[in-house]
């Protein structure tokens, strides 16, 4: 098993966290997004969308998209409920993480750390307002609950933790119930945290990436 990933990405980190907590051995293949690693023809054959992470297993097609990888890894384990209704709740929170947390928290963290927007600018304010709303929503949900998607720890918790544990890097104040949940996740067996800040070559004009092409 090989994981193509980027050290500063929460999407990649949450896959590494799941692998660690499941005790799965794998080969990590570092991909430097801002050195043009995803722009090569070789990487396009691996993942035409040129994103990270990508999981490669012997005899299977490469699997991109962090949520899909988490569900694949969790199949048949305690991280994914067998009950269809409970599984549906896990799916719900994986979608929430991608559609709500990524733009408001992950997107803001990335843009602030790489100097793409001003901390007090309009875009930062819009993203921060959305993030504060979702943190409030999640805080209400977690009040009186131990885990996000039911009675048991799951890949839904891992997915949300991937970025929410560094919400402070985007200037957020983490509310009480969310903070207590973050501590519970960090106390789980096999927990590890190797998420890195974005390096200097991630700043605009300092490297070559799909982000700069979009800009």
C-alpha atoms as a PDB file:
ATOM      1  CA  UNK A   1       0.000   0.000   0.000  1.00  0.00           C
ATOM      2  CA  UNK A   2       1.291   3.467  -0.932  1.00  0.00           C
ATOM      3  CA  UNK A   3      -0.065   6.864   0.058  1.00  0.00           C
ATOM      4  CA  UNK A   4       0.812   9.862  -2.101  1.00  0.00           C
ATOM      5  CA  UNK A   5       0.360  12.867   0.132  1.00  0.00           C
ATOM      6  CA  UNK A   6       1.374  16.375   1.131  1.00  0.00           C
ATOM      7  CA  UNK A   7       2.555  17.128   4.675  1.00  0.00           C
ATOM      8  CA  UNK A   8       0.660  20.415   5.155  1.00  0.00           C
ATOM      9  CA  UNK A   9      -2.717  19.172   3.918  1.00  0.00           C
ATOM     10  CA  UNK A  10      -5.409  18.279   6.424  1.00  0.00           C
ATOM     11  CA  UNK A  11      -7.022  16.065   3.785  1.00  0.00           C
ATOM     12  CA  UNK A  12      -3.816  14.032   3.696  1.00  0.00           C
ATOM     13  CA  UNK A  13      -3.245  14.157   7.447  1.00  0.00           C
ATOM     14  CA  UNK A  14      -6.606  12.612   8.271  1.00  0.00           C
ATOM     15  CA  UNK A  15      -5.778   9.608   6.050  1.00  0.00           C
ATOM     16  CA  UNK A  16      -2.430   9.196   7.814  1.00  0.00           C
ATOM     17  CA  UNK A  17      -4.261   9.417  11.155  1.00  0.00           C
ATOM     18  CA  UNK A  18      -6.714   6.693  10.140  1.00  0.00           C
ATOM     19  CA  UNK A  19      -3.873   4.461   8.940  1.00  0.00           C
ATOM     20  CA  UNK A  20      -2.046   4.967  12.238  1.00  0.00           C
ATOM     21  CA  UNK A  21      -5.110   4.230  14.347  1.00  0.00           C
ATOM     22  CA  UNK A  22      -5.904   1.128  12.312  1.00  0.00           C
ATOM     23  CA  UNK A  23      -2.297  -0.042  12.592  1.00  0.00           C
ATOM     24  CA  UNK A  24      -1.927  -0.402   8.822  1.00  0.00           C
ATOM     25  CA  UNK A  25       1.583  -0.367   7.429  1.00  0.00           C
ATOM     26  CA  UNK A  26       2.108   1.580   4.216  1.00  0.00           C
ATOM     27  CA  UNK A  27       4.684   3.399   2.142  1.00  0.00           C
ATOM     28  CA  UNK A  28       4.383   7.154   2.259  1.00  0.00           C
ATOM     29  CA  UNK A  29       5.250   8.934  -0.990  1.00  0.00           C
ATOM     30  CA  UNK A  30       5.691  12.686  -0.340  1.00  0.00           C
ATOM     31  CA  UNK A  31       4.242  14.926  -3.043  1.00  0.00           C
ATOM     32  CA  UNK A  32       5.411  18.546  -3.107  1.00  0.00           C
ATOM     33  CA  UNK A  33       2.374  20.279  -4.551  1.00  0.00           C
ATOM     34  CA  UNK A  34       4.157  23.613  -4.901  1.00  0.00           C
ATOM     35  CA  UNK A  35       7.253  22.186  -6.566  1.00  0.00           C
ATOM     36  CA  UNK A  36       5.109  21.071  -9.495  1.00  0.00           C
ATOM     37  CA  UNK A  37       4.937  17.395  -8.507  1.00  0.00           C
ATOM     38  CA  UNK A  38       1.236  17.127  -9.367  1.00  0.00           C
ATOM     39  CA  UNK A  39       1.709  18.830 -12.745  1.00  0.00           C
ATOM     40  CA  UNK A  40       3.667  15.979 -14.321  1.00  0.00           C
ATOM     41  CA  UNK A  41       2.234  13.520 -16.800  1.00  0.00           C
ATOM     42  CA  UNK A  42       3.156  10.694 -14.463  1.00  0.00           C
ATOM     43  CA  UNK A  43       1.029  12.146 -11.674  1.00  0.00           C
ATOM     44  CA  UNK A  44      -1.854  12.849 -14.062  1.00  0.00           C
ATOM     45  CA  UNK A  45      -1.921   9.148 -14.901  1.00  0.00           C
ATOM     46  CA  UNK A  46      -2.136   8.408 -11.186  1.00  0.00           C
ATOM     47  CA  UNK A  47      -4.832  11.042 -10.575  1.00  0.00           C
ATOM     48  CA  UNK A  48      -6.102  13.181 -13.474  1.00  0.00           C
ATOM     49  CA  UNK A  49      -7.533  15.689 -10.984  1.00  0.00           C
ATOM     50  CA  UNK A  50      -3.923  16.292  -9.766  1.00  0.00           C
ATOM     51  CA  UNK A  51      -4.966  16.372  -6.094  1.00  0.00           C
ATOM     52  CA  UNK A  52      -3.676  14.685  -2.966  1.00  0.00           C
ATOM     53  CA  UNK A  53      -4.064  12.270  -1.251  1.00  0.00           C
ATOM     54  CA  UNK A  54      -4.075   9.194  -3.478  1.00  0.00           C
ATOM     55  CA  UNK A  55      -4.065   5.641  -2.115  1.00  0.00           C
ATOM     56  CA  UNK A  56      -2.542   2.916  -4.267  1.00  0.00           C
ATOM     57  CA  UNK A  57      -3.051  -0.770  -3.510  1.00  0.00           C
ATOM     58  CA  UNK A  58      -1.755  -3.769  -5.430  1.00  0.00           C
ATOM     59  CA  UNK A  59      -4.167  -4.819  -8.157  1.00  0.00           C
ATOM     60  CA  UNK A  60      -6.595  -1.938  -7.580  1.00  0.00           C
ATOM     61  CA  UNK A  61      -7.148   1.381  -9.301  1.00  0.00           C
ATOM     62  CA  UNK A  62      -5.604   4.411  -7.579  1.00  0.00           C
ATOM     63  CA  UNK A  63      -8.079   5.927  -5.126  1.00  0.00           C
ATOM     64  CA  UNK A  64      -8.100   9.731  -4.704  1.00  0.00           C
ATOM     65  CA  UNK A  65     -10.394  11.845  -2.482  1.00  0.00           C
ATOM     66  CA  UNK A  66      -9.792  11.718   1.254  1.00  0.00           C
ATOM     67  CA  UNK A  67     -13.388  10.795   2.182  1.00  0.00           C
ATOM     68  CA  UNK A  68     -13.389   7.853  -0.221  1.00  0.00           C
ATOM     69  CA  UNK A  69     -10.038   6.682   1.153  1.00  0.00           C
ATOM     70  CA  UNK A  70     -11.286   6.906   4.747  1.00  0.00           C
ATOM     71  CA  UNK A  71     -14.384   4.865   3.947  1.00  0.00           C
ATOM     72  CA  UNK A  72     -12.311   2.277   2.079  1.00  0.00           C
ATOM     73  CA  UNK A  73      -9.824   1.907   4.931  1.00  0.00           C
ATOM     74  CA  UNK A  74     -12.553   1.757   7.563  1.00  0.00           C
ATOM     75  CA  UNK A  75     -14.611  -0.942   5.856  1.00  0.00           C
ATOM     76  CA  UNK A  76     -14.973  -3.905   8.204  1.00  0.00           C
ATOM     77  CA  UNK A  77     -13.401  -2.065  11.157  1.00  0.00           C
ATOM     78  CA  UNK A  78     -14.742  -0.355  14.268  1.00  0.00           C
ATOM     79  CA  UNK A  79     -14.287   3.007  12.511  1.00  0.00           C
ATOM     80  CA  UNK A  80     -17.320   2.390  10.272  1.00  0.00           C
ATOM     81  CA  UNK A  81     -20.635   1.147  11.767  1.00  0.00           C
ATOM     82  CA  UNK A  82     -22.230  -1.959  10.278  1.00  0.00           C
ATOM     83  CA  UNK A  83     -25.750  -0.613  10.864  1.00  0.00           C
ATOM     84  CA  UNK A  84     -27.016   1.195   7.705  1.00  0.00           C
ATOM     85  CA  UNK A  85     -28.584   4.044   9.654  1.00  0.00           C
ATOM     86  CA  UNK A  86     -25.452   4.691  11.645  1.00  0.00           C
ATOM     87  CA  UNK A  87     -23.317   4.462   8.504  1.00  0.00           C
ATOM     88  CA  UNK A  88     -25.554   7.084   6.914  1.00  0.00           C
ATOM     89  CA  UNK A  89     -24.698   9.454   9.758  1.00  0.00           C
ATOM     90  CA  UNK A  90     -20.994   8.909   9.074  1.00  0.00           C
ATOM     91  CA  UNK A  91     -21.594   9.737   5.399  1.00  0.00           C
ATOM     92  CA  UNK A  92     -23.476  12.866   6.448  1.00  0.00           C
ATOM     93  CA  UNK A  93     -20.560  14.226   8.461  1.00  0.00           C
ATOM     94  CA  UNK A  94     -18.004  13.348   5.792  1.00  0.00           C
ATOM     95  CA  UNK A  95     -20.024  15.456   3.351  1.00  0.00           C
ATOM     96  CA  UNK A  96     -20.315  18.253   5.919  1.00  0.00           C
ATOM     97  CA  UNK A  97     -16.549  18.240   6.375  1.00  0.00           C
ATOM     98  CA  UNK A  98     -15.899  18.589   2.655  1.00  0.00           C
ATOM     99  CA  UNK A  99     -18.605  21.141   1.873  1.00  0.00           C
ATOM    100  CA  UNK A 100     -18.509  23.319   5.020  1.00  0.00           C
ATOM    101  CA  UNK A 101     -15.273  22.810   6.942  1.00  0.00           C
ATOM    102  CA  UNK A 102     -12.927  22.817   3.950  1.00  0.00           C
ATOM    103  CA  UNK A 103     -13.943  26.284   2.614  1.00  0.00           C
ATOM    104  CA  UNK A 104     -14.326  28.009   5.976  1.00  0.00           C
ATOM    105  CA  UNK A 105     -11.492  26.519   8.022  1.00  0.00           C
ATOM    106  CA  UNK A 106      -9.075  24.727   5.706  1.00  0.00           C
ATOM    107  CA  UNK A 107      -9.391  27.309   2.945  1.00  0.00           C
ATOM    108  CA  UNK A 108      -8.846  30.186   5.344  1.00  0.00           C
ATOM    109  CA  UNK A 109      -5.853  28.482   7.002  1.00  0.00           C
ATOM    110  CA  UNK A 110      -4.259  27.885   3.598  1.00  0.00           C
ATOM    111  CA  UNK A 111      -4.814  31.419   2.342  1.00  0.00           C
ATOM    112  CA  UNK A 112      -3.592  33.068   5.529  1.00  0.00           C
ATOM    113  CA  UNK A 113      -0.484  30.901   5.903  1.00  0.00           C
ATOM    114  CA  UNK A 114       0.503  31.436   2.275  1.00  0.00           C
ATOM    115  CA  UNK A 115      -0.214  35.167   2.160  1.00  0.00           C
ATOM    116  CA  UNK A 116      -2.950  34.882  -0.449  1.00  0.00           C
ATOM    117  CA  UNK A 117      -5.376  37.106   1.488  1.00  0.00           C
ATOM    118  CA  UNK A 118      -5.125  39.717   4.205  1.00  0.00           C
ATOM    119  CA  UNK A 119      -6.159  38.615   7.724  1.00  0.00           C
ATOM    120  CA  UNK A 120      -8.518  41.576   8.048  1.00  0.00           C
ATOM    121  CA  UNK A 121      -9.688  41.586   4.437  1.00  0.00           C
ATOM    122  CA  UNK A 122     -13.153  40.960   3.039  1.00  0.00           C
ATOM    123  CA  UNK A 123     -12.543  37.366   1.941  1.00  0.00           C
ATOM    124  CA  UNK A 124     -11.067  36.422   5.312  1.00  0.00           C
ATOM    125  CA  UNK A 125     -14.064  37.982   7.034  1.00  0.00           C
ATOM    126  CA  UNK A 126     -16.542  36.080   4.869  1.00  0.00           C
ATOM    127  CA  UNK A 127     -14.804  32.759   5.440  1.00  0.00           C
ATOM    128  CA  UNK A 128     -14.386  33.413   9.161  1.00  0.00           C
ATOM    129  CA  UNK A 129     -18.079  34.235   9.577  1.00  0.00           C
ATOM    130  CA  UNK A 130     -18.976  30.936   7.895  1.00  0.00           C
ATOM    131  CA  UNK A 131     -16.492  29.112  10.115  1.00  0.00           C
ATOM    132  CA  UNK A 132     -17.860  30.630  13.299  1.00  0.00           C
ATOM    133  CA  UNK A 133     -21.359  29.579  12.274  1.00  0.00           C
ATOM    134  CA  UNK A 134     -20.329  25.980  11.594  1.00  0.00           C
ATOM    135  CA  UNK A 135     -18.337  25.784  14.841  1.00  0.00           C
ATOM    136  CA  UNK A 136     -21.419  26.948  16.724  1.00  0.00           C
ATOM    137  CA  UNK A 137     -23.540  24.372  14.934  1.00  0.00           C
ATOM    138  CA  UNK A 138     -21.055  21.615  15.715  1.00  0.00           C
ATOM    139  CA  UNK A 139     -20.759  22.760  19.330  1.00  0.00           C
ATOM    140  CA  UNK A 140     -24.523  22.442  19.762  1.00  0.00           C
ATOM    141  CA  UNK A 141     -24.414  18.991  18.167  1.00  0.00           C
ATOM    142  CA  UNK A 142     -21.593  17.777  20.424  1.00  0.00           C
ATOM    143  CA  UNK A 143     -23.096  19.082  23.636  1.00  0.00           C
ATOM    144  CA  UNK A 144     -24.040  15.934  25.511  1.00  0.00           C
ATOM    145  CA  UNK A 145     -22.451  13.687  22.885  1.00  0.00           C
ATOM    146  CA  UNK A 146     -19.117  11.934  22.936  1.00  0.00           C
ATOM    147  CA  UNK A 147     -18.668  11.416  19.183  1.00  0.00           C
ATOM    148  CA  UNK A 148     -19.936  13.106  16.061  1.00  0.00           C
ATOM    149  CA  UNK A 149     -21.851  10.367  14.229  1.00  0.00           C
ATOM    150  CA  UNK A 150     -23.259   8.265  17.059  1.00  0.00           C
ATOM    151  CA  UNK A 151     -22.182   6.393  20.144  1.00  0.00           C
ATOM    152  CA  UNK A 152     -18.863   5.254  18.719  1.00  0.00           C
ATOM    153  CA  UNK A 153     -15.713   6.871  17.373  1.00  0.00           C
ATOM    154  CA  UNK A 154     -15.611   6.724  13.572  1.00  0.00           C
ATOM    155  CA  UNK A 155     -13.976   8.091  10.440  1.00  0.00           C
ATOM    156  CA  UNK A 156     -16.415  10.996  10.727  1.00  0.00           C
ATOM    157  CA  UNK A 157     -14.515  12.126  13.832  1.00  0.00           C
ATOM    158  CA  UNK A 158     -11.184  11.651  12.047  1.00  0.00           C
ATOM    159  CA  UNK A 159     -12.340  13.668   9.029  1.00  0.00           C
ATOM    160  CA  UNK A 160     -13.549  16.626  11.082  1.00  0.00           C
ATOM    161  CA  UNK A 161     -10.551  16.504  13.400  1.00  0.00           C
ATOM    162  CA  UNK A 162      -8.202  16.756  10.427  1.00  0.00           C
ATOM    163  CA  UNK A 163      -8.820  20.484  10.110  1.00  0.00           C
ATOM    164  CA  UNK A 164     -10.706  21.521  13.231  1.00  0.00           C
ATOM    165  CA  UNK A 165      -7.773  20.709  15.508  1.00  0.00           C
ATOM    166  CA  UNK A 166      -5.901  23.578  13.805  1.00  0.00           C
ATOM    167  CA  UNK A 167      -8.860  25.956  13.588  1.00  0.00           C
ATOM    168  CA  UNK A 168      -6.922  28.372  15.794  1.00  0.00           C
ATOM    169  CA  UNK A 169      -4.413  28.772  12.931  1.00  0.00           C
ATOM    170  CA  UNK A 170      -7.223  30.435  10.983  1.00  0.00           C
ATOM    171  CA  UNK A 171      -8.050  32.711  13.917  1.00  0.00           C
ATOM    172  CA  UNK A 172     -11.003  30.808  15.345  1.00  0.00           C
ATOM    173  CA  UNK A 173     -11.908  30.496  19.006  1.00  0.00           C
ATOM    174  CA  UNK A 174     -12.885  26.876  19.551  1.00  0.00           C
ATOM    175  CA  UNK A 175     -16.085  26.547  21.642  1.00  0.00           C
ATOM    176  CA  UNK A 176     -16.218  24.327  24.717  1.00  0.00           C
ATOM    177  CA  UNK A 177     -17.955  21.194  23.445  1.00  0.00           C
ATOM    178  CA  UNK A 178     -15.834  21.139  20.290  1.00  0.00           C
ATOM    179  CA  UNK A 179     -12.691  21.630  22.380  1.00  0.00           C
ATOM    180  CA  UNK A 180     -13.614  18.725  24.659  1.00  0.00           C
ATOM    181  CA  UNK A 181     -14.275  16.534  21.620  1.00  0.00           C
ATOM    182  CA  UNK A 182     -10.883  17.459  20.138  1.00  0.00           C
ATOM    183  CA  UNK A 183      -9.257  16.311  23.380  1.00  0.00           C
ATOM    184  CA  UNK A 184     -11.126  13.003  23.247  1.00  0.00           C
ATOM    185  CA  UNK A 185      -9.954  12.372  19.683  1.00  0.00           C
ATOM    186  CA  UNK A 186      -6.366  13.197  20.640  1.00  0.00           C
ATOM    187  CA  UNK A 187      -6.578  10.660  23.482  1.00  0.00           C
ATOM    188  CA  UNK A 188      -7.547   7.779  21.193  1.00  0.00           C
ATOM    189  CA  UNK A 189      -5.101   4.861  20.819  1.00  0.00           C
ATOM    190  CA  UNK A 190      -2.741   5.310  17.909  1.00  0.00           C
ATOM    191  CA  UNK A 191      -3.277   9.056  17.707  1.00  0.00           C
ATOM    192  CA  UNK A 192      -0.551  10.974  15.923  1.00  0.00           C
ATOM    193  CA  UNK A 193      -0.219  14.493  14.602  1.00  0.00           C
ATOM    194  CA  UNK A 194       2.340  15.293  11.935  1.00  0.00           C
ATOM    195  CA  UNK A 195       0.433  18.034  10.110  1.00  0.00           C
ATOM    196  CA  UNK A 196       2.920  20.671   8.977  1.00  0.00           C
ATOM    197  CA  UNK A 197       2.476  24.395   8.276  1.00  0.00           C
ATOM    198  CA  UNK A 198       2.609  25.463   4.637  1.00  0.00           C
ATOM    199  CA  UNK A 199       6.227  26.008   3.536  1.00  0.00           C
ATOM    200  CA  UNK A 200       7.632  29.131   1.843  1.00  0.00           C
ATOM    201  CA  UNK A 201       7.233  27.712  -1.681  1.00  0.00           C
ATOM    202  CA  UNK A 202       3.449  27.643  -1.146  1.00  0.00           C
ATOM    203  CA  UNK A 203       3.299  31.440  -1.330  1.00  0.00           C
ATOM    204  CA  UNK A 204       2.064  32.985  -4.596  1.00  0.00           C
ATOM    205  CA  UNK A 205       4.770  33.103  -7.246  1.00  0.00           C
ATOM    206  CA  UNK A 206       7.201  31.009  -5.199  1.00  0.00           C
ATOM    207  CA  UNK A 207       6.366  27.667  -6.763  1.00  0.00           C
ATOM    208  CA  UNK A 208       4.450  25.850  -9.472  1.00  0.00           C
ATOM    209  CA  UNK A 209       1.072  24.327  -8.653  1.00  0.00           C
ATOM    210  CA  UNK A 210      -2.557  24.033  -9.707  1.00  0.00           C
ATOM    211  CA  UNK A 211      -3.334  26.724  -7.138  1.00  0.00           C
ATOM    212  CA  UNK A 212      -1.124  29.243  -8.886  1.00  0.00           C
ATOM    213  CA  UNK A 213      -2.544  28.273 -12.251  1.00  0.00           C
ATOM    214  CA  UNK A 214      -6.022  28.983 -10.860  1.00  0.00           C
ATOM    215  CA  UNK A 215      -4.884  32.332  -9.451  1.00  0.00           C
END
